[in-house]
Amino acid sequence: SIATMSVGMSNQKVAQDMGTSVLKMAMGSAESTADMLNSVMAEQ
């Protein structure tokens, strides 16, 4: 039961880290899109 709990906690941490990484990538993508839109608007 201790081993099972340890594996479960490890899997939960991996899932949480993956979710955090996906959110960071989404924020980076949104930021670059906003920067590109600002530059296009400034040029026009």
Full PDB file with SEQRES, HELIX, SHEET, SSBOND, CRYST1, ORIGX, SCALE, CONECT and MASTER records, all heavy atoms in Angstrom:
SEQRES   1 A   44  SER ILE ALA THR MET SER VAL GLY MET SER ASN GLN LYS          
SEQRES   2 A   44  VAL ALA GLN ASP MET GLY THR SER VAL LEU LYS MET ALA          
SEQRES   3 A   44  MET GLY SER ALA GLU SER THR ALA ASP MET LEU ASN SER          
SEQRES   4 A   44  VAL MET ALA GLU GLN                                          
HELIX    1 AA1 ILE A    2  GLU A   43  1                                  42    
CRYST1    1.000    1.000    1.000  90.00  90.00  90.00 P 1           1          
ORIGX1      1.000000  0.000000  0.000000        0.00000                         
ORIGX2      0.000000  1.000000  0.000000        0.00000                         
ORIGX3      0.000000  0.000000  1.000000        0.00000                         
SCALE1      1.000000  0.000000  0.000000        0.00000                         
SCALE2      0.000000  1.000000  0.000000        0.00000                         
SCALE3      0.000000  0.000000  1.000000        0.00000                         
ATOM      1  N   SER A   1       0.821  -1.207   0.000  1.00  0.00           N  
ATOM      2  CA  SER A   1       0.000   0.000   0.000  1.00  0.00           C  
ATOM      3  C   SER A   1       0.860   1.265   0.000  1.00  0.00           C  
ATOM      4  O   SER A   1       0.503   2.263  -0.609  1.00  0.00           O  
ATOM      5  CB  SER A   1      -0.961  -0.011   1.190  1.00  0.00           C  
ATOM      6  OG  SER A   1      -0.247   0.003   2.403  1.00  0.00           O  
ATOM      7  N   ILE A   2       2.001   1.208   0.660  1.00  0.00           N  
ATOM      8  CA  ILE A   2       2.921   2.352   0.648  1.00  0.00           C  
ATOM      9  C   ILE A   2       3.476   2.558  -0.760  1.00  0.00           C  
ATOM     10  O   ILE A   2       3.538   3.683  -1.267  1.00  0.00           O  
ATOM     11  CB  ILE A   2       4.056   2.152   1.670  1.00  0.00           C  
ATOM     12  CG1 ILE A   2       3.489   2.190   3.081  1.00  0.00           C  
ATOM     13  CG2 ILE A   2       5.131   3.216   1.483  1.00  0.00           C  
ATOM     14  CD1 ILE A   2       4.498   1.837   4.154  1.00  0.00           C  
ATOM     15  N   ALA A   3       3.837   1.466  -1.427  1.00  0.00           N  
ATOM     16  CA  ALA A   3       4.348   1.567  -2.796  1.00  0.00           C  
ATOM     17  C   ALA A   3       3.269   2.097  -3.733  1.00  0.00           C  
ATOM     18  O   ALA A   3       3.542   2.928  -4.609  1.00  0.00           O  
ATOM     19  CB  ALA A   3       4.846   0.210  -3.265  1.00  0.00           C  
ATOM     20  N   THR A   4       2.048   1.640  -3.556  1.00  0.00           N  
ATOM     21  CA  THR A   4       0.943   2.103  -4.400  1.00  0.00           C  
ATOM     22  C   THR A   4       0.697   3.589  -4.205  1.00  0.00           C  
ATOM     23  O   THR A   4       0.489   4.330  -5.172  1.00  0.00           O  
ATOM     24  CB  THR A   4      -0.333   1.296  -4.080  1.00  0.00           C  
ATOM     25  OG1 THR A   4      -0.062  -0.094  -4.268  1.00  0.00           O  
ATOM     26  CG2 THR A   4      -1.479   1.716  -4.968  1.00  0.00           C  
ATOM     27  N   MET A   5       0.724   4.046  -2.960  1.00  0.00           N  
ATOM     28  CA  MET A   5       0.545   5.475  -2.695  1.00  0.00           C  
ATOM     29  C   MET A   5       1.676   6.291  -3.300  1.00  0.00           C  
ATOM     30  O   MET A   5       1.452   7.371  -3.849  1.00  0.00           O  
ATOM     31  CB  MET A   5       0.462   5.724  -1.185  1.00  0.00           C  
ATOM     32  CG  MET A   5      -0.853   5.304  -0.599  1.00  0.00           C  
ATOM     33  SD  MET A   5      -1.097   5.623   1.178  1.00  0.00           S  
ATOM     34  CE  MET A   5       0.311   6.488   1.737  1.00  0.00           C  
ATOM     35  N   SER A   6       2.888   5.760  -3.227  1.00  0.00           N  
ATOM     36  CA  SER A   6       4.039   6.467  -3.776  1.00  0.00           C  
ATOM     37  C   SER A   6       3.916   6.612  -5.297  1.00  0.00           C  
ATOM     38  O   SER A   6       4.167   7.689  -5.854  1.00  0.00           O  
ATOM     39  CB  SER A   6       5.321   5.724  -3.417  1.00  0.00           C  
ATOM     40  OG  SER A   6       6.427   6.333  -4.027  1.00  0.00           O  
ATOM     41  N   VAL A   7       3.514   5.547  -5.957  1.00  0.00           N  
ATOM     42  CA  VAL A   7       3.351   5.597  -7.410  1.00  0.00           C  
ATOM     43  C   VAL A   7       2.231   6.564  -7.780  1.00  0.00           C  
ATOM     44  O   VAL A   7       2.351   7.348  -8.727  1.00  0.00           O  
ATOM     45  CB  VAL A   7       3.074   4.178  -7.965  1.00  0.00           C  
ATOM     46  CG1 VAL A   7       2.616   4.238  -9.413  1.00  0.00           C  
ATOM     47  CG2 VAL A   7       4.309   3.315  -7.843  1.00  0.00           C  
ATOM     48  N   GLY A   8       1.139   6.533  -7.037  1.00  0.00           N  
ATOM     49  CA  GLY A   8       0.025   7.447  -7.302  1.00  0.00           C  
ATOM     50  C   GLY A   8       0.431   8.897  -7.140  1.00  0.00           C  
ATOM     51  O   GLY A   8       0.076   9.757  -7.961  1.00  0.00           O  
ATOM     52  N   MET A   9       1.174   9.188  -6.082  1.00  0.00           N  
ATOM     53  CA  MET A   9       1.629  10.566  -5.864  1.00  0.00           C  
ATOM     54  C   MET A   9       2.588  11.000  -6.967  1.00  0.00           C  
ATOM     55  O   MET A   9       2.550  12.148  -7.428  1.00  0.00           O  
ATOM     56  CB  MET A   9       2.283  10.688  -4.492  1.00  0.00           C  
ATOM     57  CG  MET A   9       1.299  10.599  -3.348  1.00  0.00           C  
ATOM     58  SD  MET A   9       2.086  10.563  -1.718  1.00  0.00           S  
ATOM     59  CE  MET A   9       2.989  12.092  -1.708  1.00  0.00           C  
ATOM     60  N   SER A  10       3.446  10.083  -7.400  1.00  0.00           N  
ATOM     61  CA  SER A  10       4.389  10.411  -8.470  1.00  0.00           C  
ATOM     62  C   SER A  10       3.643  10.688  -9.771  1.00  0.00           C  
ATOM     63  O   SER A  10       3.966  11.662 -10.487  1.00  0.00           O  
ATOM     64  CB  SER A  10       5.363   9.255  -8.663  1.00  0.00           C  
ATOM     65  OG  SER A  10       6.232   9.513  -9.738  1.00  0.00           O  
ATOM     66  N   ASN A  11       2.656   9.867 -10.086  1.00  0.00           N  
ATOM     67  CA  ASN A  11       1.866  10.086 -11.303  1.00  0.00           C  
ATOM     68  C   ASN A  11       1.109  11.410 -11.240  1.00  0.00           C  
ATOM     69  O   ASN A  11       0.990  12.114 -12.244  1.00  0.00           O  
ATOM     70  CB  ASN A  11       0.890   8.933 -11.513  1.00  0.00           C  
ATOM     71  CG  ASN A  11       1.583   7.664 -11.953  1.00  0.00           C  
ATOM     72  OD1 ASN A  11       2.718   7.693 -12.401  1.00  0.00           O  
ATOM     73  ND2 ASN A  11       0.896   6.538 -11.817  1.00  0.00           N  
ATOM     74  N   GLN A  12       0.610  11.750 -10.073  1.00  0.00           N  
ATOM     75  CA  GLN A  12      -0.111  13.014  -9.911  1.00  0.00           C  
ATOM     76  C   GLN A  12       0.828  14.192 -10.130  1.00  0.00           C  
ATOM     77  O   GLN A  12       0.469  15.179 -10.786  1.00  0.00           O  
ATOM     78  CB  GLN A  12      -0.730  13.077  -8.524  1.00  0.00           C  
ATOM     79  CG  GLN A  12      -1.576  14.302  -8.293  1.00  0.00           C  
ATOM     80  CD  GLN A  12      -2.203  14.318  -6.903  1.00  0.00           C  
ATOM     81  OE1 GLN A  12      -1.930  13.455  -6.079  1.00  0.00           O  
ATOM     82  NE2 GLN A  12      -3.041  15.310  -6.650  1.00  0.00           N  
ATOM     83  N   LYS A  13       2.050  14.107  -9.624  1.00  0.00           N  
ATOM     84  CA  LYS A  13       3.021  15.188  -9.805  1.00  0.00           C  
ATOM     85  C   LYS A  13       3.391  15.345 -11.282  1.00  0.00           C  
ATOM     86  O   LYS A  13       3.493  16.461 -11.783  1.00  0.00           O  
ATOM     87  CB  LYS A  13       4.269  14.940  -8.980  1.00  0.00           C  
ATOM     88  CG  LYS A  13       5.300  16.057  -9.145  1.00  0.00           C  
ATOM     89  CD  LYS A  13       6.385  15.968  -8.125  1.00  0.00           C  
ATOM     90  CE  LYS A  13       7.457  17.020  -8.240  1.00  0.00           C  
ATOM     91  NZ  LYS A  13       7.333  18.049  -9.216  1.00  0.00           N  
ATOM     92  N   VAL A  14       3.573  14.217 -11.967  1.00  0.00           N  
ATOM     93  CA  VAL A  14       3.893  14.275 -13.399  1.00  0.00           C  
ATOM     94  C   VAL A  14       2.756  14.932 -14.174  1.00  0.00           C  
ATOM     95  O   VAL A  14       2.991  15.784 -15.041  1.00  0.00           O  
ATOM     96  CB  VAL A  14       4.191  12.856 -13.947  1.00  0.00           C  
ATOM     97  CG1 VAL A  14       4.228  12.855 -15.460  1.00  0.00           C  
ATOM     98  CG2 VAL A  14       5.505  12.338 -13.382  1.00  0.00           C  
ATOM     99  N   ALA A  15       1.517  14.569 -13.857  1.00  0.00           N  
ATOM    100  CA  ALA A  15       0.363  15.162 -14.541  1.00  0.00           C  
ATOM    101  C   ALA A  15       0.282  16.659 -14.262  1.00  0.00           C  
ATOM    102  O   ALA A  15      -0.026  17.457 -15.158  1.00  0.00           O  
ATOM    103  CB  ALA A  15      -0.915  14.463 -14.104  1.00  0.00           C  
ATOM    104  N   GLN A  16       0.548  17.058 -13.033  1.00  0.00           N  
ATOM    105  CA  GLN A  16       0.508  18.479 -12.683  1.00  0.00           C  
ATOM    106  C   GLN A  16       1.613  19.243 -13.407  1.00  0.00           C  
ATOM    107  O   GLN A  16       1.376  20.341 -13.932  1.00  0.00           O  
ATOM    108  CB  GLN A  16       0.658  18.643 -11.172  1.00  0.00           C  
ATOM    109  CG  GLN A  16       0.552  20.075 -10.707  1.00  0.00           C  
ATOM    110  CD  GLN A  16       0.665  20.199  -9.188  1.00  0.00           C  
ATOM    111  OE1 GLN A  16       0.942  19.233  -8.492  1.00  0.00           O  
ATOM    112  NE2 GLN A  16       0.461  21.394  -8.691  1.00  0.00           N  
ATOM    113  N   ASP A  17       2.815  18.678 -13.458  1.00  0.00           N  
ATOM    114  CA  ASP A  17       3.922  19.335 -14.158  1.00  0.00           C  
ATOM    115  C   ASP A  17       3.626  19.464 -15.653  1.00  0.00           C  
ATOM    116  O   ASP A  17       3.956  20.478 -16.271  1.00  0.00           O  
ATOM    117  CB  ASP A  17       5.214  18.564 -13.944  1.00  0.00           C  
ATOM    118  CG  ASP A  17       5.740  18.669 -12.519  1.00  0.00           C  
ATOM    119  OD1 ASP A  17       5.258  19.546 -11.771  1.00  0.00           O  
ATOM    120  OD2 ASP A  17       6.622  17.862 -12.154  1.00  0.00           O  
ATOM    121  N   MET A  18       3.010  18.434 -16.228  1.00  0.00           N  
ATOM    122  CA  MET A  18       2.665  18.491 -17.637  1.00  0.00           C  
ATOM    123  C   MET A  18       1.622  19.583 -17.887  1.00  0.00           C  
ATOM    124  O   MET A  18       1.728  20.350 -18.847  1.00  0.00           O  
ATOM    125  CB  MET A  18       2.125  17.147 -18.115  1.00  0.00           C  
ATOM    126  CG  MET A  18       1.871  17.112 -19.614  1.00  0.00           C  
ATOM    127  SD  MET A  18       1.223  15.556 -20.192  1.00  0.00           S  
ATOM    128  CE  MET A  18      -0.438  15.629 -19.546  1.00  0.00           C  
ATOM    129  N   GLY A  19       0.627  19.681 -17.010  1.00  0.00           N  
ATOM    130  CA  GLY A  19      -0.376  20.730 -17.152  1.00  0.00           C  
ATOM    131  C   GLY A  19       0.234  22.115 -17.063  1.00  0.00           C  
ATOM    132  O   GLY A  19      -0.123  23.023 -17.826  1.00  0.00           O  
ATOM    133  N   THR A  20       1.172  22.288 -16.153  1.00  0.00           N  
ATOM    134  CA  THR A  20       1.856  23.574 -16.009  1.00  0.00           C  
ATOM    135  C   THR A  20       2.653  23.908 -17.264  1.00  0.00           C  
ATOM    136  O   THR A  20       2.638  25.050 -17.732  1.00  0.00           O  
ATOM    137  CB  THR A  20       2.789  23.547 -14.785  1.00  0.00           C  
ATOM    138  OG1 THR A  20       2.028  23.214 -13.631  1.00  0.00           O  
ATOM    139  CG2 THR A  20       3.464  24.872 -14.576  1.00  0.00           C  
ATOM    140  N   SER A  21       3.315  22.909 -17.830  1.00  0.00           N  
ATOM    141  CA  SER A  21       4.087  23.142 -19.057  1.00  0.00           C  
ATOM    142  C   SER A  21       3.188  23.539 -20.213  1.00  0.00           C  
ATOM    143  O   SER A  21       3.524  24.436 -20.996  1.00  0.00           O  
ATOM    144  CB  SER A  21       4.866  21.879 -19.424  1.00  0.00           C  
ATOM    145  OG  SER A  21       5.815  21.576 -18.442  1.00  0.00           O  
ATOM    146  N   VAL A  22       2.041  22.886 -20.331  1.00  0.00           N  
ATOM    147  CA  VAL A  22       1.108  23.217 -21.406  1.00  0.00           C  
ATOM    148  C   VAL A  22       0.596  24.643 -21.242  1.00  0.00           C  
ATOM    149  O   VAL A  22       0.498  25.396 -22.214  1.00  0.00           O  
ATOM    150  CB  VAL A  22      -0.057  22.198 -21.443  1.00  0.00           C  
ATOM    151  CG1 VAL A  22      -1.178  22.680 -22.350  1.00  0.00           C  
ATOM    152  CG2 VAL A  22       0.449  20.838 -21.889  1.00  0.00           C  
ATOM    153  N   LEU A  23       0.287  25.041 -20.010  1.00  0.00           N  
ATOM    154  CA  LEU A  23      -0.176  26.407 -19.778  1.00  0.00           C  
ATOM    155  C   LEU A  23       0.906  27.432 -20.103  1.00  0.00           C  
ATOM    156  O   LEU A  23       0.616  28.489 -20.663  1.00  0.00           O  
ATOM    157  CB  LEU A  23      -0.635  26.572 -18.331  1.00  0.00           C  
ATOM    158  CG  LEU A  23      -1.967  25.903 -17.992  1.00  0.00           C  
ATOM    159  CD1 LEU A  23      -2.248  26.017 -16.496  1.00  0.00           C  
ATOM    160  CD2 LEU A  23      -3.088  26.526 -18.779  1.00  0.00           C  
ATOM    161  N   LYS A  24       2.155  27.126 -19.767  1.00  0.00           N  
ATOM    162  CA  LYS A  24       3.250  28.042 -20.097  1.00  0.00           C  
ATOM    163  C   LYS A  24       3.396  28.191 -21.606  1.00  0.00           C  
ATOM    164  O   LYS A  24       3.625  29.295 -22.118  1.00  0.00           O  
ATOM    165  CB  LYS A  24       4.558  27.549 -19.492  1.00  0.00           C  
ATOM    166  CG  LYS A  24       4.665  27.790 -18.007  1.00  0.00           C  
ATOM    167  CD  LYS A  24       6.009  27.325 -17.476  1.00  0.00           C  
ATOM    168  CE  LYS A  24       6.096  27.524 -15.979  1.00  0.00           C  
ATOM    169  NZ  LYS A  24       7.388  27.042 -15.443  1.00  0.00           N  
ATOM    170  N   MET A  25       3.264  27.071 -22.336  1.00  0.00           N  
ATOM    171  CA  MET A  25       3.348  27.143 -23.796  1.00  0.00           C  
ATOM    172  C   MET A  25       2.199  27.960 -24.355  1.00  0.00           C  
ATOM    173  O   MET A  25       2.389  28.758 -25.282  1.00  0.00           O  
ATOM    174  CB  MET A  25       3.341  25.739 -24.398  1.00  0.00           C  
ATOM    175  CG  MET A  25       4.622  24.978 -24.186  1.00  0.00           C  
ATOM    176  SD  MET A  25       4.726  23.301 -24.856  1.00  0.00           S  
ATOM    177  CE  MET A  25       3.236  23.012 -25.702  1.00  0.00           C  
ATOM    178  N   ALA A  26       1.006  27.799 -23.809  1.00  0.00           N  
ATOM    179  CA  ALA A  26      -0.155  28.563 -24.283  1.00  0.00           C  
ATOM    180  C   ALA A  26       0.035  30.047 -24.006  1.00  0.00           C  
ATOM    181  O   ALA A  26      -0.300  30.891 -24.848  1.00  0.00           O  
ATOM    182  CB  ALA A  26      -1.423  28.050 -23.613  1.00  0.00           C  
ATOM    183  N   MET A  27       0.574  30.384 -22.847  1.00  0.00           N  
ATOM    184  CA  MET A  27       0.821  31.789 -22.532  1.00  0.00           C  
ATOM    185  C   MET A  27       1.861  32.379 -23.469  1.00  0.00           C  
ATOM    186  O   MET A  27       1.719  33.519 -23.925  1.00  0.00           O  
ATOM    187  CB  MET A  27       1.274  31.931 -21.079  1.00  0.00           C  
ATOM    188  CG  MET A  27       0.159  31.772 -20.077  1.00  0.00           C  
ATOM    189  SD  MET A  27       0.699  31.824 -18.354  1.00  0.00           S  
ATOM    190  CE  MET A  27       1.725  33.259 -18.302  1.00  0.00           C  
ATOM    191  N   GLY A  28       2.899  31.620 -23.773  1.00  0.00           N  
ATOM    192  CA  GLY A  28       3.927  32.093 -24.694  1.00  0.00           C  
ATOM    193  C   GLY A  28       3.366  32.312 -26.084  1.00  0.00           C  
ATOM    194  O   GLY A  28       3.681  33.298 -26.761  1.00  0.00           O  
ATOM    195  N   SER A  29       2.500  31.411 -26.517  1.00  0.00           N  
ATOM    196  CA  SER A  29       1.887  31.539 -27.831  1.00  0.00           C  
ATOM    197  C   SER A  29       0.970  32.756 -27.885  1.00  0.00           C  
ATOM    198  O   SER A  29       0.984  33.518 -28.857  1.00  0.00           O  
ATOM    199  CB  SER A  29       1.093  30.272 -28.156  1.00  0.00           C  
ATOM    200  OG  SER A  29       0.393  30.420 -29.362  1.00  0.00           O  
ATOM    201  N   ALA A  30       0.181  32.952 -26.841  1.00  0.00           N  
ATOM    202  CA  ALA A  30      -0.717  34.110 -26.799  1.00  0.00           C  
ATOM    203  C   ALA A  30       0.080  35.409 -26.770  1.00  0.00           C  
ATOM    204  O   ALA A  30      -0.293  36.398 -27.413  1.00  0.00           O  
ATOM    205  CB  ALA A  30      -1.628  34.020 -25.584  1.00  0.00           C  
ATOM    206  N   GLU A  31       1.176  35.405 -26.050  1.00  0.00           N  
ATOM    207  CA  GLU A  31       2.004  36.614 -25.965  1.00  0.00           C  
ATOM    208  C   GLU A  31       2.620  36.940 -27.313  1.00  0.00           C  
ATOM    209  O   GLU A  31       2.627  38.096 -27.743  1.00  0.00           O  
ATOM    210  CB  GLU A  31       3.093  36.408 -24.916  1.00  0.00           C  
ATOM    211  CG  GLU A  31       3.925  37.636 -24.653  1.00  0.00           C  
ATOM    212  CD  GLU A  31       4.911  37.427 -23.515  1.00  0.00           C  
ATOM    213  OE1 GLU A  31       4.487  36.990 -22.437  1.00  0.00           O  
ATOM    214  OE2 GLU A  31       6.103  37.695 -23.741  1.00  0.00           O  
ATOM    215  N   SER A  32       3.115  35.919 -28.017  1.00  0.00           N  
ATOM    216  CA  SER A  32       3.717  36.186 -29.324  1.00  0.00           C  
ATOM    217  C   SER A  32       2.664  36.627 -30.336  1.00  0.00           C  
ATOM    218  O   SER A  32       2.932  37.480 -31.183  1.00  0.00           O  
ATOM    219  CB  SER A  32       4.468  34.955 -29.837  1.00  0.00           C  
ATOM    220  OG  SER A  32       3.579  33.894 -30.082  1.00  0.00           O  
ATOM    221  N   THR A  33       1.455  36.070 -30.236  1.00  0.00           N  
ATOM    222  CA  THR A  33       0.375  36.499 -31.124  1.00  0.00           C  
ATOM    223  C   THR A  33       0.006  37.953 -30.860  1.00  0.00           C  
ATOM    224  O   THR A  33      -0.204  38.726 -31.802  1.00  0.00           O  
ATOM    225  CB  THR A  33      -0.858  35.597 -30.934  1.00  0.00           C  
ATOM    226  OG1 THR A  33      -0.488  34.247 -31.204  1.00  0.00           O  
ATOM    227  CG2 THR A  33      -1.982  36.014 -31.850  1.00  0.00           C  
ATOM    228  N   ALA A  34      -0.065  38.334 -29.598  1.00  0.00           N  
ATOM    229  CA  ALA A  34      -0.387  39.720 -29.250  1.00  0.00           C  
ATOM    230  C   ALA A  34       0.708  40.666 -29.731  1.00  0.00           C  
ATOM    231  O   ALA A  34       0.404  41.755 -30.246  1.00  0.00           O  
ATOM    232  CB  ALA A  34      -0.575  39.847 -27.746  1.00  0.00           C  
ATOM    233  N   ASP A  35       1.961  40.272 -29.581  1.00  0.00           N  
ATOM    234  CA  ASP A  35       3.067  41.105 -30.063  1.00  0.00           C  
ATOM    235  C   ASP A  35       2.996  41.289 -31.574  1.00  0.00           C  
ATOM    236  O   ASP A  35       3.209  42.393 -32.087  1.00  0.00           O  
ATOM    237  CB  ASP A  35       4.413  40.495 -29.674  1.00  0.00           C  
ATOM    238  CG  ASP A  35       4.685  40.570 -28.190  1.00  0.00           C  
ATOM    239  OD1 ASP A  35       4.024  41.376 -27.494  1.00  0.00           O  
ATOM    240  OD2 ASP A  35       5.557  39.816 -27.703  1.00  0.00           O  
ATOM    241  N   MET A  36       2.694  40.194 -32.276  1.00  0.00           N  
ATOM    242  CA  MET A  36       2.606  40.276 -33.727  1.00  0.00           C  
ATOM    243  C   MET A  36       1.446  41.184 -34.144  1.00  0.00           C  
ATOM    244  O   MET A  36       1.584  42.009 -35.050  1.00  0.00           O  
ATOM    245  CB  MET A  36       2.411  38.882 -34.328  1.00  0.00           C  
ATOM    246  CG  MET A  36       2.408  38.872 -35.839  1.00  0.00           C  
ATOM    247  SD  MET A  36       2.335  37.230 -36.578  1.00  0.00           S  
ATOM    248  CE  MET A  36       0.801  36.611 -35.942  1.00  0.00           C  
ATOM    249  N   LEU A  37       0.310  41.068 -33.470  1.00  0.00           N  
ATOM    250  CA  LEU A  37      -0.843  41.910 -33.778  1.00  0.00           C  
ATOM    251  C   LEU A  37      -0.523  43.380 -33.523  1.00  0.00           C  
ATOM    252  O   LEU A  37      -0.876  44.251 -34.331  1.00  0.00           O  
ATOM    253  CB  LEU A  37      -2.049  41.477 -32.948  1.00  0.00           C  
ATOM    254  CG  LEU A  37      -3.342  42.248 -33.169  1.00  0.00           C  
ATOM    255  CD1 LEU A  37      -3.818  42.100 -34.602  1.00  0.00           C  
ATOM    256  CD2 LEU A  37      -4.408  41.758 -32.204  1.00  0.00           C  
ATOM    257  N   ASN A  38       0.154  43.663 -32.418  1.00  0.00           N  
ATOM    258  CA  ASN A  38       0.546  45.049 -32.123  1.00  0.00           C  
ATOM    259  C   ASN A  38       1.468  45.611 -33.188  1.00  0.00           C  
ATOM    260  O   ASN A  38       1.329  46.774 -33.595  1.00  0.00           O  
ATOM    261  CB  ASN A  38       1.215  45.133 -30.756  1.00  0.00           C  
ATOM    262  CG  ASN A  38       0.213  45.079 -29.631  1.00  0.00           C  
ATOM    263  OD1 ASN A  38      -0.952  45.387 -29.824  1.00  0.00           O  
ATOM    264  ND2 ASN A  38       0.674  44.688 -28.461  1.00  0.00           N  
ATOM    265  N   SER A  39       2.419  44.814 -33.658  1.00  0.00           N  
ATOM    266  CA  SER A  39       3.343  45.315 -34.673  1.00  0.00           C  
ATOM    267  C   SER A  39       2.624  45.559 -35.994  1.00  0.00           C  
ATOM    268  O   SER A  39       2.892  46.552 -36.679  1.00  0.00           O  
ATOM    269  CB  SER A  39       4.509  44.348 -34.868  1.00  0.00           C  
ATOM    270  OG  SER A  39       4.075  43.133 -35.428  1.00  0.00           O  
ATOM    271  N   VAL A  40       1.687  44.677 -36.359  1.00  0.00           N  
ATOM    272  CA  VAL A  40       0.931  44.872 -37.602  1.00  0.00           C  
ATOM    273  C   VAL A  40       0.064  46.124 -37.500  1.00  0.00           C  
ATOM    274  O   VAL A  40      -0.011  46.921 -38.440  1.00  0.00           O  
ATOM    275  CB  VAL A  40       0.074  43.624 -37.912  1.00  0.00           C  
ATOM    276  CG1 VAL A  40      -0.933  43.912 -39.021  1.00  0.00           C  
ATOM    277  CG2 VAL A  40       0.968  42.461 -38.303  1.00  0.00           C  
ATOM    278  N   MET A  41      -0.580  46.300 -36.362  1.00  0.00           N  
ATOM    279  CA  MET A  41      -1.421  47.488 -36.182  1.00  0.00           C  
ATOM    280  C   MET A  41      -0.579  48.764 -36.227  1.00  0.00           C  
ATOM    281  O   MET A  41      -1.001  49.770 -36.788  1.00  0.00           O  
ATOM    282  CB  MET A  41      -2.187  47.404 -34.859  1.00  0.00           C  
ATOM    283  CG  MET A  41      -3.194  46.269 -34.803  1.00  0.00           C  
ATOM    284  SD  MET A  41      -4.523  46.446 -35.980  1.00  0.00           S  
ATOM    285  CE  MET A  41      -5.441  47.748 -35.218  1.00  0.00           C  
ATOM    286  N   ALA A  42       0.602  48.733 -35.632  1.00  0.00           N  
ATOM    287  CA  ALA A  42       1.471  49.912 -35.647  1.00  0.00           C  
ATOM    288  C   ALA A  42       1.934  50.226 -37.061  1.00  0.00           C  
ATOM    289  O   ALA A  42       1.993  51.397 -37.457  1.00  0.00           O  
ATOM    290  CB  ALA A  42       2.669  49.682 -34.737  1.00  0.00           C  
ATOM    291  N   GLU A  43       2.251  49.188 -37.838  1.00  0.00           N  
ATOM    292  CA  GLU A  43       2.670  49.409 -39.219  1.00  0.00           C  
ATOM    293  C   GLU A  43       1.542  50.027 -40.037  1.00  0.00           C  
ATOM    294  O   GLU A  43       1.769  50.941 -40.827  1.00  0.00           O  
ATOM    295  CB  GLU A  43       3.098  48.087 -39.858  1.00  0.00           C  
ATOM    296  CG  GLU A  43       4.401  47.534 -39.343  1.00  0.00           C  
ATOM    297  CD  GLU A  43       4.677  46.140 -39.876  1.00  0.00           C  
ATOM    298  OE1 GLU A  43       3.930  45.659 -40.751  1.00  0.00           O  
ATOM    299  OE2 GLU A  43       5.642  45.535 -39.398  1.00  0.00           O  
ATOM    300  N   GLN A  44       0.331  49.541 -39.864  1.00  0.00           N  
ATOM    301  CA  GLN A  44      -0.787  50.070 -40.637  1.00  0.00           C  
ATOM    302  C   GLN A  44      -1.120  51.488 -40.208  1.00  0.00           C  
ATOM    303  O   GLN A  44      -1.485  52.312 -41.037  1.00  0.00           O  
ATOM    304  CB  GLN A  44      -2.003  49.166 -40.498  1.00  0.00           C  
ATOM    305  CG  GLN A  44      -1.809  47.847 -41.209  1.00  0.00           C  
ATOM    306  CD  GLN A  44      -3.105  47.186 -41.571  1.00  0.00           C  
ATOM    307  OE1 GLN A  44      -4.175  47.679 -41.252  1.00  0.00           O  
ATOM    308  NE2 GLN A  44      -3.011  46.066 -42.242  1.00  0.00           N  
TER     309      GLN A  44                                                      
MASTER        0    0    0    1    0    0    0    6  308    1    0    4          
END                                                                             
